[in-house]
Amino acid sequence: MRIRFLLLTVLLISLQCNAYPVSGSEKVTNIRFYLHNTHSVNDPSSVLVAENKNATAHAHGLVPFSSVYVFDDVLTEGPASTSKVIGNAQGMYVETGKDGYTILETIDCEMTDGPFKGSSFVMFSRNQFSKPSRELPVIGGRGAFRMAKGYGLLRTVCINCINSVNPSKGDIIEYNVTLYLH
């Protein structure tokens, strides 16, 4: 009798440990913006802060292996640099792939305009920017995005572009972010 009671208790505890709230209590928020990473000599938004002296750029790579960059990029509503600014992204990335196209990225996206002004969410993962589209997980946030989870789908608009849409040399990345909020 004691063993049955013990087994039943263990079963009930294990069921409780695996319980999770019904997803109907979560609110889904979608945000789309464009990140502008400028490489201008006078006012870059991304700066190399560390690099191994033996690091070499690979034949097809853009970033030397082991390079560490910090950034403070503008987020806009559209791809043009003249689009309305809705936020900024701060973080860092490290070239972790010997291919020259794979970075480990941490990015905090703060909204500075609109209904989520003052709130931010964080994404962190590998970003293989040689692929036309990729995904970064949302691992948290603050303000309206506190305890957020979700994902960002990234698409490269252009690399090292100089044109009427982006008059200063730099990269433009489209972010479509889906946030699940409690």
C-alpha atoms as a PDB file:
ATOM      1  CA  MET A   1       0.000   0.000   0.000  1.00  0.00           C
ATOM      2  CA  ARG A   2       2.829   2.405   0.864  1.00  0.00           C
ATOM      3  CA  ILE A   3       4.589   1.716  -2.435  1.00  0.00           C
ATOM      4  CA  ARG A   4       1.410   2.477  -4.430  1.00  0.00           C
ATOM      5  CA  PHE A   5       0.968   5.711  -2.515  1.00  0.00           C
ATOM      6  CA  LEU A   6       4.610   6.629  -3.130  1.00  0.00           C
ATOM      7  CA  LEU A   7       4.325   5.847  -6.856  1.00  0.00           C
ATOM      8  CA  LEU A   8       1.104   7.863  -7.124  1.00  0.00           C
ATOM      9  CA  THR A   9       2.737  10.791  -5.319  1.00  0.00           C
ATOM     10  CA  VAL A  10       5.786  10.688  -7.621  1.00  0.00           C
ATOM     11  CA  LEU A  11       3.477  10.544 -10.662  1.00  0.00           C
ATOM     12  CA  LEU A  12       1.455  13.562  -9.503  1.00  0.00           C
ATOM     13  CA  ILE A  13       4.593  15.568  -8.722  1.00  0.00           C
ATOM     14  CA  SER A  14       6.084  14.766 -12.132  1.00  0.00           C
ATOM     15  CA  LEU A  15       2.860  15.875 -13.828  1.00  0.00           C
ATOM     16  CA  GLN A  16       2.957  19.156 -11.906  1.00  0.00           C
ATOM     17  CA  CYS A  17       6.587  19.754 -12.907  1.00  0.00           C
ATOM     18  CA  ASN A  18       5.664  19.389 -16.580  1.00  0.00           C
ATOM     19  CA  ALA A  19       2.578  21.595 -16.367  1.00  0.00           C
ATOM     20  CA  TYR A  20       2.562  24.816 -18.365  1.00  0.00           C
ATOM     21  CA  PRO A  21      -0.041  27.543 -18.865  1.00  0.00           C
ATOM     22  CA  VAL A  22      -2.411  27.356 -21.783  1.00  0.00           C
ATOM     23  CA  SER A  23      -1.026  29.409 -24.658  1.00  0.00           C
ATOM     24  CA  GLY A  24      -4.288  31.338 -24.825  1.00  0.00           C
ATOM     25  CA  SER A  25      -3.001  33.517 -21.970  1.00  0.00           C
ATOM     26  CA  GLU A  26      -0.113  34.759 -24.125  1.00  0.00           C
ATOM     27  CA  LYS A  27      -0.300  37.850 -26.281  1.00  0.00           C
ATOM     28  CA  VAL A  28       1.443  37.769 -29.661  1.00  0.00           C
ATOM     29  CA  THR A  29       3.124  40.944 -30.918  1.00  0.00           C
ATOM     30  CA  ASN A  30       4.745  41.310 -34.348  1.00  0.00           C
ATOM     31  CA  ILE A  31       7.263  44.059 -35.068  1.00  0.00           C
ATOM     32  CA  ARG A  32       9.047  44.738 -38.359  1.00  0.00           C
ATOM     33  CA  PHE A  33      11.973  47.124 -38.658  1.00  0.00           C
ATOM     34  CA  TYR A  34      15.209  47.694 -40.550  1.00  0.00           C
ATOM     35  CA  LEU A  35      18.599  47.760 -38.858  1.00  0.00           C
ATOM     36  CA  HIS A  36      21.200  50.134 -40.350  1.00  0.00           C
ATOM     37  CA  ASN A  37      24.794  49.157 -39.594  1.00  0.00           C
ATOM     38  CA  THR A  38      27.053  51.900 -40.974  1.00  0.00           C
ATOM     39  CA  HIS A  39      30.739  51.538 -41.760  1.00  0.00           C
ATOM     40  CA  SER A  40      31.521  55.212 -42.428  1.00  0.00           C
ATOM     41  CA  VAL A  41      34.963  56.383 -41.378  1.00  0.00           C
ATOM     42  CA  ASN A  42      33.720  59.464 -39.491  1.00  0.00           C
ATOM     43  CA  ASP A  43      30.745  58.006 -37.577  1.00  0.00           C
ATOM     44  CA  PRO A  44      30.553  54.190 -37.718  1.00  0.00           C
ATOM     45  CA  SER A  45      27.809  52.400 -35.812  1.00  0.00           C
ATOM     46  CA  SER A  46      29.871  49.200 -35.597  1.00  0.00           C
ATOM     47  CA  VAL A  47      33.458  49.166 -34.331  1.00  0.00           C
ATOM     48  CA  LEU A  48      36.107  46.446 -34.170  1.00  0.00           C
ATOM     49  CA  VAL A  49      37.252  46.167 -30.519  1.00  0.00           C
ATOM     50  CA  ALA A  50      39.331  42.953 -30.576  1.00  0.00           C
ATOM     51  CA  GLU A  51      40.998  40.715 -33.108  1.00  0.00           C
ATOM     52  CA  ASN A  52      43.611  37.987 -32.866  1.00  0.00           C
ATOM     53  CA  LYS A  53      46.782  39.148 -34.600  1.00  0.00           C
ATOM     54  CA  ASN A  54      46.856  35.795 -36.435  1.00  0.00           C
ATOM     55  CA  ALA A  55      43.250  36.131 -37.665  1.00  0.00           C
ATOM     56  CA  THR A  56      42.905  36.103 -41.393  1.00  0.00           C
ATOM     57  CA  ALA A  57      39.953  36.843 -43.601  1.00  0.00           C
ATOM     58  CA  HIS A  58      39.039  33.778 -45.585  1.00  0.00           C
ATOM     59  CA  ALA A  59      38.757  33.891 -49.357  1.00  0.00           C
ATOM     60  CA  HIS A  60      34.984  34.358 -49.327  1.00  0.00           C
ATOM     61  CA  GLY A  61      34.516  35.750 -45.821  1.00  0.00           C
ATOM     62  CA  LEU A  62      33.617  39.292 -44.863  1.00  0.00           C
ATOM     63  CA  VAL A  63      34.750  39.251 -41.225  1.00  0.00           C
ATOM     64  CA  PRO A  64      38.070  37.811 -39.985  1.00  0.00           C
ATOM     65  CA  PHE A  65      37.754  34.815 -37.652  1.00  0.00           C
ATOM     66  CA  SER A  66      37.859  35.830 -33.943  1.00  0.00           C
ATOM     67  CA  SER A  67      36.997  39.490 -34.584  1.00  0.00           C
ATOM     68  CA  VAL A  68      34.841  41.153 -31.913  1.00  0.00           C
ATOM     69  CA  TYR A  69      32.636  44.124 -32.800  1.00  0.00           C
ATOM     70  CA  VAL A  70      30.324  46.291 -30.722  1.00  0.00           C
ATOM     71  CA  PHE A  71      27.490  48.199 -32.335  1.00  0.00           C
ATOM     72  CA  ASP A  72      24.879  50.883 -31.738  1.00  0.00           C
ATOM     73  CA  ASP A  73      22.630  50.778 -34.808  1.00  0.00           C
ATOM     74  CA  VAL A  74      19.536  52.701 -35.839  1.00  0.00           C
ATOM     75  CA  LEU A  75      16.200  50.890 -36.341  1.00  0.00           C
ATOM     76  CA  THR A  76      13.804  52.375 -38.901  1.00  0.00           C
ATOM     77  CA  GLU A  77      10.306  51.669 -40.239  1.00  0.00           C
ATOM     78  CA  GLY A  78      11.549  51.194 -43.790  1.00  0.00           C
ATOM     79  CA  PRO A  79      14.793  50.248 -45.542  1.00  0.00           C
ATOM     80  CA  ALA A  80      15.731  53.828 -46.512  1.00  0.00           C
ATOM     81  CA  SER A  81      18.075  55.639 -44.158  1.00  0.00           C
ATOM     82  CA  THR A  82      15.602  58.536 -44.291  1.00  0.00           C
ATOM     83  CA  SER A  83      12.787  56.337 -42.898  1.00  0.00           C
ATOM     84  CA  LYS A  84      11.310  57.170 -39.508  1.00  0.00           C
ATOM     85  CA  VAL A  85      13.591  56.053 -36.648  1.00  0.00           C
ATOM     86  CA  ILE A  86      11.692  53.810 -34.225  1.00  0.00           C
ATOM     87  CA  GLY A  87      14.521  52.450 -32.100  1.00  0.00           C
ATOM     88  CA  ASN A  88      18.117  51.456 -31.707  1.00  0.00           C
ATOM     89  CA  ALA A  89      19.979  48.184 -31.337  1.00  0.00           C
ATOM     90  CA  GLN A  90      23.031  47.751 -29.176  1.00  0.00           C
ATOM     91  CA  GLY A  91      25.133  44.675 -28.760  1.00  0.00           C
ATOM     92  CA  MET A  92      28.121  42.797 -30.003  1.00  0.00           C
ATOM     93  CA  TYR A  93      29.080  40.068 -32.383  1.00  0.00           C
ATOM     94  CA  VAL A  94      32.033  37.736 -32.669  1.00  0.00           C
ATOM     95  CA  GLU A  95      33.104  36.015 -35.880  1.00  0.00           C
ATOM     96  CA  THR A  96      32.984  32.430 -34.641  1.00  0.00           C
ATOM     97  CA  GLY A  97      33.006  30.664 -37.991  1.00  0.00           C
ATOM     98  CA  LYS A  98      36.179  30.137 -39.922  1.00  0.00           C
ATOM     99  CA  ASP A  99      34.067  30.670 -43.032  1.00  0.00           C
ATOM    100  CA  GLY A 100      33.955  34.426 -42.374  1.00  0.00           C
ATOM    101  CA  TYR A 101      30.127  34.444 -42.492  1.00  0.00           C
ATOM    102  CA  THR A 102      29.043  33.086 -39.092  1.00  0.00           C
ATOM    103  CA  ILE A 103      28.804  35.380 -36.102  1.00  0.00           C
ATOM    104  CA  LEU A 104      27.631  34.820 -32.556  1.00  0.00           C
ATOM    105  CA  GLU A 105      25.386  37.812 -31.929  1.00  0.00           C
ATOM    106  CA  THR A 106      23.755  39.388 -28.924  1.00  0.00           C
ATOM    107  CA  ILE A 107      21.425  42.264 -29.694  1.00  0.00           C
ATOM    108  CA  ASP A 108      19.185  44.419 -27.480  1.00  0.00           C
ATOM    109  CA  CYS A 109      16.518  46.197 -29.557  1.00  0.00           C
ATOM    110  CA  GLU A 110      14.980  49.193 -27.790  1.00  0.00           C
ATOM    111  CA  MET A 111      11.913  50.927 -29.163  1.00  0.00           C
ATOM    112  CA  THR A 112      12.291  54.729 -28.902  1.00  0.00           C
ATOM    113  CA  ASP A 113       8.986  55.626 -30.569  1.00  0.00           C
ATOM    114  CA  GLY A 114       5.475  54.232 -30.775  1.00  0.00           C
ATOM    115  CA  PRO A 115       3.408  52.159 -28.359  1.00  0.00           C
ATOM    116  CA  PHE A 116       6.429  50.225 -27.027  1.00  0.00           C
ATOM    117  CA  LYS A 117       8.635  53.278 -26.401  1.00  0.00           C
ATOM    118  CA  GLY A 118      11.200  52.502 -23.690  1.00  0.00           C
ATOM    119  CA  SER A 119      10.789  48.723 -23.967  1.00  0.00           C
ATOM    120  CA  SER A 120      13.353  46.346 -25.416  1.00  0.00           C
ATOM    121  CA  PHE A 121      13.866  42.677 -26.215  1.00  0.00           C
ATOM    122  CA  VAL A 122      17.044  40.650 -26.519  1.00  0.00           C
ATOM    123  CA  MET A 123      18.050  38.132 -29.184  1.00  0.00           C
ATOM    124  CA  PHE A 124      21.086  35.866 -28.910  1.00  0.00           C
ATOM    125  CA  SER A 125      22.353  33.109 -31.170  1.00  0.00           C
ATOM    126  CA  ARG A 126      24.447  32.162 -34.161  1.00  0.00           C
ATOM    127  CA  ASN A 127      23.782  34.323 -37.200  1.00  0.00           C
ATOM    128  CA  GLN A 128      24.964  32.845 -40.500  1.00  0.00           C
ATOM    129  CA  PHE A 129      24.663  36.011 -42.541  1.00  0.00           C
ATOM    130  CA  SER A 130      25.666  34.285 -45.788  1.00  0.00           C
ATOM    131  CA  LYS A 131      22.156  32.814 -45.859  1.00  0.00           C
ATOM    132  CA  PRO A 132      19.434  34.998 -47.377  1.00  0.00           C
ATOM    133  CA  SER A 133      17.229  34.495 -44.311  1.00  0.00           C
ATOM    134  CA  ARG A 134      17.920  33.310 -40.806  1.00  0.00           C
ATOM    135  CA  GLU A 135      16.374  33.143 -37.342  1.00  0.00           C
ATOM    136  CA  LEU A 136      17.447  34.429 -33.930  1.00  0.00           C
ATOM    137  CA  PRO A 137      15.610  33.465 -30.731  1.00  0.00           C
ATOM    138  CA  VAL A 138      14.233  36.136 -28.391  1.00  0.00           C
ATOM    139  CA  ILE A 139      15.517  35.355 -24.905  1.00  0.00           C
ATOM    140  CA  GLY A 140      13.891  38.093 -22.829  1.00  0.00           C
ATOM    141  CA  GLY A 141      13.182  41.768 -22.570  1.00  0.00           C
ATOM    142  CA  ARG A 142      12.213  44.679 -20.367  1.00  0.00           C
ATOM    143  CA  GLY A 143       9.298  47.066 -20.042  1.00  0.00           C
ATOM    144  CA  ALA A 144       6.347  45.898 -22.143  1.00  0.00           C
ATOM    145  CA  PHE A 145       8.532  43.017 -23.358  1.00  0.00           C
ATOM    146  CA  ARG A 146       9.475  41.718 -19.887  1.00  0.00           C
ATOM    147  CA  MET A 147       9.887  37.913 -19.955  1.00  0.00           C
ATOM    148  CA  ALA A 148       9.310  37.889 -23.734  1.00  0.00           C
ATOM    149  CA  LYS A 149      10.053  34.841 -25.789  1.00  0.00           C
ATOM    150  CA  GLY A 150       9.831  34.433 -29.521  1.00  0.00           C
ATOM    151  CA  TYR A 151      11.995  34.746 -32.597  1.00  0.00           C
ATOM    152  CA  GLY A 152      13.278  37.181 -35.170  1.00  0.00           C
ATOM    153  CA  LEU A 153      13.424  36.361 -38.866  1.00  0.00           C
ATOM    154  CA  LEU A 154      16.267  38.264 -40.512  1.00  0.00           C
ATOM    155  CA  ARG A 155      16.721  39.073 -44.184  1.00  0.00           C
ATOM    156  CA  THR A 156      19.694  40.913 -45.617  1.00  0.00           C
ATOM    157  CA  VAL A 157      18.576  43.837 -47.766  1.00  0.00           C
ATOM    158  CA  CYS A 158      22.127  44.807 -48.748  1.00  0.00           C
ATOM    159  CA  ILE A 159      25.749  44.492 -47.591  1.00  0.00           C
ATOM    160  CA  ASN A 160      28.170  47.414 -47.973  1.00  0.00           C
ATOM    161  CA  CYS A 161      25.499  49.242 -49.920  1.00  0.00           C
ATOM    162  CA  ILE A 162      25.768  52.778 -51.193  1.00  0.00           C
ATOM    163  CA  ASN A 163      22.707  53.878 -53.122  1.00  0.00           C
ATOM    164  CA  SER A 164      19.727  56.218 -52.928  1.00  0.00           C
ATOM    165  CA  VAL A 165      18.172  54.080 -50.178  1.00  0.00           C
ATOM    166  CA  ASN A 166      21.329  54.084 -48.050  1.00  0.00           C
ATOM    167  CA  PRO A 167      23.680  56.949 -48.929  1.00  0.00           C
ATOM    168  CA  SER A 168      26.317  55.990 -46.332  1.00  0.00           C
ATOM    169  CA  LYS A 169      28.252  52.753 -46.720  1.00  0.00           C
ATOM    170  CA  GLY A 170      26.744  50.024 -44.582  1.00  0.00           C
ATOM    171  CA  ASP A 171      24.443  47.048 -44.200  1.00  0.00           C
ATOM    172  CA  ILE A 172      20.656  46.990 -44.007  1.00  0.00           C
ATOM    173  CA  ILE A 173      18.959  44.019 -42.344  1.00  0.00           C
ATOM    174  CA  GLU A 174      15.183  43.496 -42.198  1.00  0.00           C
ATOM    175  CA  TYR A 175      13.898  42.061 -38.898  1.00  0.00           C
ATOM    176  CA  ASN A 176      10.438  40.492 -38.573  1.00  0.00           C
ATOM    177  CA  VAL A 177      10.105  39.745 -34.860  1.00  0.00           C
ATOM    178  CA  THR A 178       7.344  37.702 -33.214  1.00  0.00           C
ATOM    179  CA  LEU A 179       7.088  38.127 -29.450  1.00  0.00           C
ATOM    180  CA  TYR A 180       5.034  36.010 -27.068  1.00  0.00           C
ATOM    181  CA  LEU A 181       4.161  38.034 -23.969  1.00  0.00           C
ATOM    182  CA  HIS A 182       2.392  37.031 -20.757  1.00  0.00           C
END
